[in-house]
N, C-alpha and C. Protein backbone atom coordinates (compact mmCIF):
# COMPACT_ATOMS: atom_id res chain seq x y z
N MET A 1 -73.07 56.79 -125.87
CA MET A 1 -72.43 55.94 -125.22
C MET A 1 -70.88 55.58 -124.87
N ASN A 2 -70.43 57.09 -125.35
CA ASN A 2 -69.72 57.10 -125.81
C ASN A 2 -69.14 58.51 -124.03
N GLU A 3 -68.90 58.70 -123.25
CA GLU A 3 -69.16 59.49 -122.66
C GLU A 3 -67.55 60.31 -122.95
N ALA A 4 -66.45 59.83 -123.11
CA ALA A 4 -65.63 61.45 -123.31
C ALA A 4 -65.49 61.88 -124.73
N ALA A 5 -67.14 61.25 -124.63
CA ALA A 5 -67.60 62.43 -126.26
C ALA A 5 -67.85 63.83 -125.57
N ASP A 6 -68.37 64.06 -124.15
CA ASP A 6 -69.16 64.23 -123.35
C ASP A 6 -68.52 65.49 -122.80
N MET A 7 -66.88 65.28 -122.20
CA MET A 7 -65.25 65.66 -121.92
C MET A 7 -65.63 67.09 -122.57
N SER A 8 -65.01 68.33 -121.19
CA SER A 8 -65.53 69.92 -122.05
C SER A 8 -63.90 69.91 -122.35
N ALA A 9 -63.22 71.05 -123.20
CA ALA A 9 -62.43 70.86 -124.32
C ALA A 9 -61.31 71.06 -123.39
N LEU A 10 -61.23 71.73 -122.31
CA LEU A 10 -60.46 71.88 -121.00
C LEU A 10 -59.53 70.86 -120.44
N ALA A 11 -60.82 69.99 -120.11
CA ALA A 11 -60.26 68.65 -119.80
C ALA A 11 -60.19 67.93 -120.30
N THR A 12 -60.65 67.59 -121.43
CA THR A 12 -59.46 66.54 -122.60
C THR A 12 -57.57 67.18 -123.25
N ILE A 13 -58.12 68.53 -122.93
CA ILE A 13 -56.76 69.37 -123.69
C ILE A 13 -55.93 68.90 -121.92
N LEU A 14 -56.18 68.63 -121.12
CA LEU A 14 -55.34 68.24 -119.71
C LEU A 14 -54.87 66.63 -119.79
N VAL A 15 -55.85 65.56 -119.72
CA VAL A 15 -56.06 65.13 -119.51
C VAL A 15 -54.61 64.69 -120.72
N SER A 16 -54.71 64.53 -121.67
CA SER A 16 -54.12 64.80 -122.68
C SER A 16 -52.45 65.35 -122.81
N VAL A 17 -52.66 66.33 -122.36
CA VAL A 17 -51.08 66.78 -121.82
C VAL A 17 -50.49 66.13 -121.00
N LEU A 18 -51.04 65.47 -119.54
CA LEU A 18 -50.82 65.33 -118.93
C LEU A 18 -49.91 63.55 -119.28
N VAL A 19 -50.84 63.08 -120.10
CA VAL A 19 -51.09 60.93 -120.70
C VAL A 19 -49.13 61.76 -120.67
N VAL A 20 -49.35 62.49 -122.41
CA VAL A 20 -48.01 62.49 -122.62
C VAL A 20 -47.00 63.55 -121.65
N VAL A 21 -46.66 63.78 -121.14
CA VAL A 21 -46.30 64.06 -119.92
C VAL A 21 -45.90 62.98 -119.30
N GLY A 22 -46.44 62.62 -118.73
CA GLY A 22 -46.35 61.09 -117.99
C GLY A 22 -45.67 59.70 -118.79
N ALA A 23 -45.67 59.76 -120.23
CA ALA A 23 -45.04 58.99 -121.35
C ALA A 23 -44.02 59.62 -121.40
N ALA A 24 -43.61 60.98 -121.42
CA ALA A 24 -42.54 61.52 -121.74
C ALA A 24 -41.84 60.67 -120.48
N PHE A 25 -42.06 61.24 -119.09
CA PHE A 25 -41.26 61.07 -118.35
C PHE A 25 -40.36 59.27 -118.18
N THR A 26 -40.93 58.67 -118.24
CA THR A 26 -41.11 57.05 -118.12
C THR A 26 -40.48 56.55 -119.17
N LEU A 27 -40.51 57.37 -120.34
CA LEU A 27 -39.78 57.22 -122.16
C LEU A 27 -38.33 57.40 -121.36
N VAL A 28 -38.24 58.71 -120.33
CA VAL A 28 -36.61 59.24 -119.98
C VAL A 28 -35.78 58.52 -119.40
N GLY A 29 -36.83 57.64 -118.39
CA GLY A 29 -36.10 57.11 -117.31
C GLY A 29 -36.13 55.99 -118.03
N THR A 30 -36.58 55.34 -118.85
CA THR A 30 -36.39 53.88 -119.61
C THR A 30 -35.07 54.29 -120.18
N LEU A 31 -34.97 55.91 -120.84
CA LEU A 31 -33.05 55.56 -121.81
C LEU A 31 -32.16 56.26 -120.87
N GLY A 32 -32.80 56.41 -119.36
CA GLY A 32 -31.59 56.84 -118.95
C GLY A 32 -30.83 55.50 -118.36
N LEU A 33 -31.54 54.64 -118.29
CA LEU A 33 -31.61 53.45 -117.79
C LEU A 33 -30.53 52.40 -119.01
N VAL A 34 -30.16 53.06 -119.93
CA VAL A 34 -30.32 51.59 -121.14
C VAL A 34 -29.02 52.88 -121.41
N ARG A 35 -29.01 54.47 -121.55
CA ARG A 35 -27.93 54.80 -121.34
C ARG A 35 -26.77 55.03 -120.48
N LEU A 36 -26.84 55.27 -118.95
CA LEU A 36 -25.94 54.94 -117.79
C LEU A 36 -25.24 53.76 -117.78
N ASP A 37 -24.12 54.26 -117.21
CA ASP A 37 -22.84 52.88 -117.24
C ASP A 37 -23.47 52.60 -115.96
N SER A 38 -23.43 52.75 -114.79
CA SER A 38 -23.35 51.74 -113.65
C SER A 38 -24.35 51.45 -113.17
N PHE A 39 -24.32 50.08 -112.20
CA PHE A 39 -25.74 49.62 -111.03
C PHE A 39 -26.90 51.10 -111.20
N TYR A 40 -25.95 51.96 -110.29
CA TYR A 40 -25.79 53.24 -108.95
C TYR A 40 -26.78 53.52 -110.30
N GLN A 41 -26.10 54.37 -110.86
CA GLN A 41 -26.72 55.19 -111.92
C GLN A 41 -27.82 55.04 -112.67
N ARG A 42 -28.03 53.92 -112.68
CA ARG A 42 -29.02 52.98 -113.69
C ARG A 42 -30.32 52.96 -112.86
N ILE A 43 -30.34 52.59 -111.76
CA ILE A 43 -31.13 52.52 -110.69
C ILE A 43 -32.30 53.77 -111.09
N HIS A 44 -31.41 54.97 -111.15
CA HIS A 44 -32.20 55.89 -110.23
C HIS A 44 -32.72 56.75 -111.43
N ALA A 45 -32.48 56.85 -112.82
CA ALA A 45 -33.46 57.28 -113.66
C ALA A 45 -35.16 56.68 -113.97
N PRO A 46 -34.66 54.89 -113.59
CA PRO A 46 -36.06 54.95 -113.79
C PRO A 46 -37.01 54.33 -112.69
N THR A 47 -36.30 54.65 -111.71
CA THR A 47 -37.39 55.08 -110.36
C THR A 47 -37.49 56.11 -110.26
N LEU A 48 -37.65 57.32 -110.70
CA LEU A 48 -37.83 59.08 -111.05
C LEU A 48 -39.31 59.11 -112.51
N GLY A 49 -38.84 57.77 -113.36
CA GLY A 49 -39.35 58.01 -114.41
C GLY A 49 -40.58 57.03 -113.98
N THR A 50 -40.58 56.33 -113.27
CA THR A 50 -41.50 54.89 -112.96
C THR A 50 -42.70 56.41 -111.90
N THR A 51 -41.68 57.04 -111.54
CA THR A 51 -43.07 57.55 -109.95
C THR A 51 -43.85 58.66 -111.17
N LEU A 52 -42.88 59.32 -111.67
CA LEU A 52 -43.24 60.81 -111.81
C LEU A 52 -44.73 60.67 -113.44
N GLY A 53 -43.67 59.31 -113.41
CA GLY A 53 -44.84 58.75 -115.16
C GLY A 53 -46.63 58.01 -115.20
N THR A 54 -46.62 57.85 -113.88
CA THR A 54 -47.43 56.87 -112.47
C THR A 54 -48.05 58.01 -112.74
N VAL A 55 -47.73 59.24 -111.65
CA VAL A 55 -48.23 59.89 -111.28
C VAL A 55 -48.88 60.50 -111.68
N CYS A 56 -48.41 61.23 -113.63
CA CYS A 56 -49.13 61.40 -114.44
C CYS A 56 -50.39 61.55 -114.32
N ILE A 57 -50.38 60.40 -114.88
CA ILE A 57 -51.25 59.50 -116.11
C ILE A 57 -52.23 59.08 -115.01
N ALA A 58 -51.71 58.54 -113.70
CA ALA A 58 -53.61 58.51 -112.67
C ALA A 58 -53.41 59.96 -112.79
N VAL A 59 -53.24 60.65 -112.95
CA VAL A 59 -53.89 62.34 -112.27
C VAL A 59 -54.48 62.84 -113.69
N ALA A 60 -54.02 62.21 -114.88
CA ALA A 60 -54.74 62.38 -115.93
C ALA A 60 -55.91 61.11 -116.75
N SER A 61 -55.93 59.94 -115.72
CA SER A 61 -57.51 58.90 -114.70
C SER A 61 -58.31 60.33 -114.28
N MET A 62 -58.17 60.01 -113.61
CA MET A 62 -58.65 61.15 -111.85
C MET A 62 -59.63 62.20 -113.16
N ILE A 63 -58.97 62.88 -113.49
CA ILE A 63 -59.93 63.93 -114.20
C ILE A 63 -60.93 63.70 -115.43
N CYS A 64 -59.69 62.32 -116.43
CA CYS A 64 -60.96 61.75 -117.38
C CYS A 64 -62.07 61.09 -116.78
N PHE A 65 -62.05 60.37 -115.77
CA PHE A 65 -63.10 59.65 -115.00
C PHE A 65 -64.39 60.50 -114.51
N THR A 66 -63.81 61.65 -113.42
CA THR A 66 -63.68 62.77 -113.67
C THR A 66 -65.06 63.07 -113.81
N ALA A 67 -64.56 64.19 -115.28
CA ALA A 67 -65.34 65.03 -115.95
C ALA A 67 -66.10 64.23 -116.93
N THR A 68 -66.12 63.24 -117.43
CA THR A 68 -67.10 61.98 -117.87
C THR A 68 -68.47 61.84 -116.73
N GLY A 69 -67.62 61.83 -115.83
CA GLY A 69 -69.67 62.25 -114.91
C GLY A 69 -69.68 60.99 -114.30
N THR A 70 -68.87 59.61 -114.57
CA THR A 70 -69.68 58.16 -114.87
C THR A 70 -69.01 58.08 -113.45
N ARG A 71 -68.24 58.05 -112.70
CA ARG A 71 -68.49 57.62 -111.57
C ARG A 71 -66.81 58.74 -110.88
N PRO A 72 -67.13 59.47 -108.86
CA PRO A 72 -66.38 60.37 -109.05
C PRO A 72 -64.37 59.04 -108.97
N ALA A 73 -63.26 59.79 -109.80
CA ALA A 73 -61.81 58.83 -108.88
C ALA A 73 -61.32 59.15 -108.78
N ILE A 74 -61.76 58.32 -107.26
CA ILE A 74 -60.53 58.66 -106.20
C ILE A 74 -59.60 57.20 -105.79
N HIS A 75 -59.78 55.84 -106.50
CA HIS A 75 -59.04 55.20 -105.75
C HIS A 75 -57.57 55.23 -106.61
N GLN A 76 -57.88 56.41 -107.66
CA GLN A 76 -56.23 56.60 -107.61
C GLN A 76 -55.37 57.23 -107.17
N LEU A 77 -56.35 58.04 -106.49
CA LEU A 77 -55.31 58.45 -105.44
C LEU A 77 -54.26 56.85 -104.58
N MET A 78 -55.07 56.30 -104.11
CA MET A 78 -54.25 55.25 -103.89
C MET A 78 -52.81 54.53 -104.60
N VAL A 79 -53.57 54.78 -105.89
CA VAL A 79 -52.48 53.73 -106.45
C VAL A 79 -51.45 55.25 -106.35
N ILE A 80 -51.83 56.58 -106.54
CA ILE A 80 -50.13 57.61 -106.60
C ILE A 80 -50.06 57.17 -105.07
N VAL A 81 -50.57 56.89 -103.91
CA VAL A 81 -49.56 56.87 -102.14
C VAL A 81 -48.55 56.01 -102.67
N PHE A 82 -49.58 54.30 -102.99
CA PHE A 82 -49.04 52.97 -103.60
C PHE A 82 -47.22 53.08 -104.10
N ILE A 83 -47.49 53.81 -105.10
CA ILE A 83 -46.13 53.99 -106.12
C ILE A 83 -45.15 54.80 -105.78
N THR A 84 -45.55 56.14 -104.98
CA THR A 84 -44.74 57.16 -104.39
C THR A 84 -44.11 56.61 -103.10
N VAL A 85 -44.64 55.73 -102.37
CA VAL A 85 -43.55 55.55 -100.84
C VAL A 85 -43.28 54.39 -101.79
N THR A 86 -43.82 53.24 -102.55
CA THR A 86 -42.87 51.72 -103.09
C THR A 86 -42.12 51.78 -103.96
N THR A 87 -41.91 53.01 -104.58
CA THR A 87 -40.91 53.29 -105.43
C THR A 87 -39.46 52.88 -104.65
N PRO A 88 -39.53 54.48 -103.60
CA PRO A 88 -38.42 55.38 -103.12
C PRO A 88 -37.53 53.65 -101.94
N VAL A 89 -38.93 52.45 -101.56
CA VAL A 89 -38.37 51.93 -100.94
C VAL A 89 -38.06 50.77 -101.74
N GLY A 90 -38.15 50.62 -102.68
CA GLY A 90 -37.43 49.48 -103.34
C GLY A 90 -36.12 49.82 -103.87
N LEU A 91 -35.56 50.88 -104.80
CA LEU A 91 -34.75 51.25 -104.79
C LEU A 91 -34.06 51.21 -104.19
N VAL A 92 -34.04 52.01 -102.59
CA VAL A 92 -32.74 51.44 -100.86
C VAL A 92 -32.59 50.26 -101.18
N ILE A 93 -33.75 48.79 -101.07
CA ILE A 93 -33.06 47.73 -101.05
C ILE A 93 -31.87 47.12 -102.27
N LEU A 94 -33.09 47.35 -103.04
CA LEU A 94 -31.79 47.11 -104.37
C LEU A 94 -30.79 47.91 -104.40
N VAL A 95 -29.77 48.79 -103.53
CA VAL A 95 -29.30 49.11 -103.59
C VAL A 95 -27.80 49.06 -102.96
N ARG A 96 -28.71 48.68 -101.36
CA ARG A 96 -28.65 48.35 -100.30
C ARG A 96 -27.96 46.59 -100.35
N ALA A 97 -28.76 45.72 -101.26
CA ALA A 97 -28.55 44.57 -102.11
C ALA A 97 -27.02 44.66 -102.59
N ALA A 98 -27.40 45.54 -103.52
CA ALA A 98 -25.75 45.83 -104.40
C ALA A 98 -24.89 45.71 -103.70
N LEU A 99 -24.08 46.81 -102.54
CA LEU A 99 -23.53 47.27 -101.63
C LEU A 99 -23.05 46.37 -101.19
N PHE A 100 -24.36 45.10 -100.56
CA PHE A 100 -22.96 43.99 -100.16
C PHE A 100 -22.66 42.74 -100.93
N ARG A 101 -23.10 42.92 -101.22
CA ARG A 101 -22.80 41.65 -103.08
C ARG A 101 -21.29 42.94 -103.37
N ASP A 102 -21.53 43.69 -103.23
CA ASP A 102 -19.73 43.75 -103.77
C ASP A 102 -19.56 44.73 -102.81
N GLY A 103 -19.48 43.80 -101.70
CA GLY A 103 -18.80 44.03 -100.35
C GLY A 103 -18.21 45.42 -99.68
N SER A 104 -19.07 46.68 -100.29
CA SER A 104 -19.01 48.16 -99.82
C SER A 104 -19.68 48.51 -98.78
N ARG A 105 -19.68 49.62 -97.63
CA ARG A 105 -19.98 49.99 -96.96
C ARG A 105 -21.30 51.22 -97.16
N PRO A 106 -21.67 51.72 -96.90
CA PRO A 106 -22.54 52.64 -97.37
C PRO A 106 -22.12 53.57 -96.11
N PRO A 107 -22.08 55.03 -96.67
CA PRO A 107 -20.99 56.67 -96.32
C PRO A 107 -21.66 56.49 -94.51
N GLY A 108 -21.08 56.38 -93.42
CA GLY A 108 -21.27 57.06 -92.53
C GLY A 108 -21.34 55.05 -91.91
N ALA A 109 -21.27 54.34 -91.95
CA ALA A 109 -21.61 53.09 -91.99
C ALA A 109 -20.58 52.41 -90.35
N ASP A 110 -21.21 51.69 -89.32
CA ASP A 110 -19.92 51.14 -88.58
C ASP A 110 -18.65 50.04 -89.48
N PRO A 111 -17.56 50.39 -88.65
CA PRO A 111 -16.62 49.18 -89.69
C PRO A 111 -17.39 47.57 -89.18
N ALA A 112 -16.70 47.51 -89.54
CA ALA A 112 -16.86 45.78 -89.62
C ALA A 112 -16.03 45.18 -88.67
N PRO A 113 -16.53 44.30 -87.78
CA PRO A 113 -16.06 43.46 -86.20
C PRO A 113 -14.19 43.12 -87.04
N ASP A 114 -14.47 42.28 -88.27
CA ASP A 114 -13.21 41.93 -88.12
C ASP A 114 -12.09 42.84 -89.06
N GLY A 115 -12.58 44.10 -88.58
CA GLY A 115 -11.42 46.00 -88.87
C GLY A 115 -11.46 45.72 -90.47
N ARG A 116 -12.25 45.36 -91.02
CA ARG A 116 -12.15 45.72 -92.70
C ARG A 116 -13.10 47.10 -92.88
């Protein structure tokens, strides 16, 4: 009834390490969100923590479900791709919105038409 009992010791250790590492990355990103001062610093830490933590946990899930033989784990690859692509895009959108709200322009941007 419990397929996890049939997993090899190497797969069990690898899955455990990846889950702990993924949780640690997410925790560090969360602590960075709480501890850093400005918005621009705060947005960076959770973005990296979310991406790396999710990738580690998804890889652990792939190994676990493949090792137990219940099914080949392919859909976790889609999760990894979507998180890896959408997280940085969301970061850029949030930073540009904050820059617009603050009235500043990113480096290398064209000057405003009214000369500001």
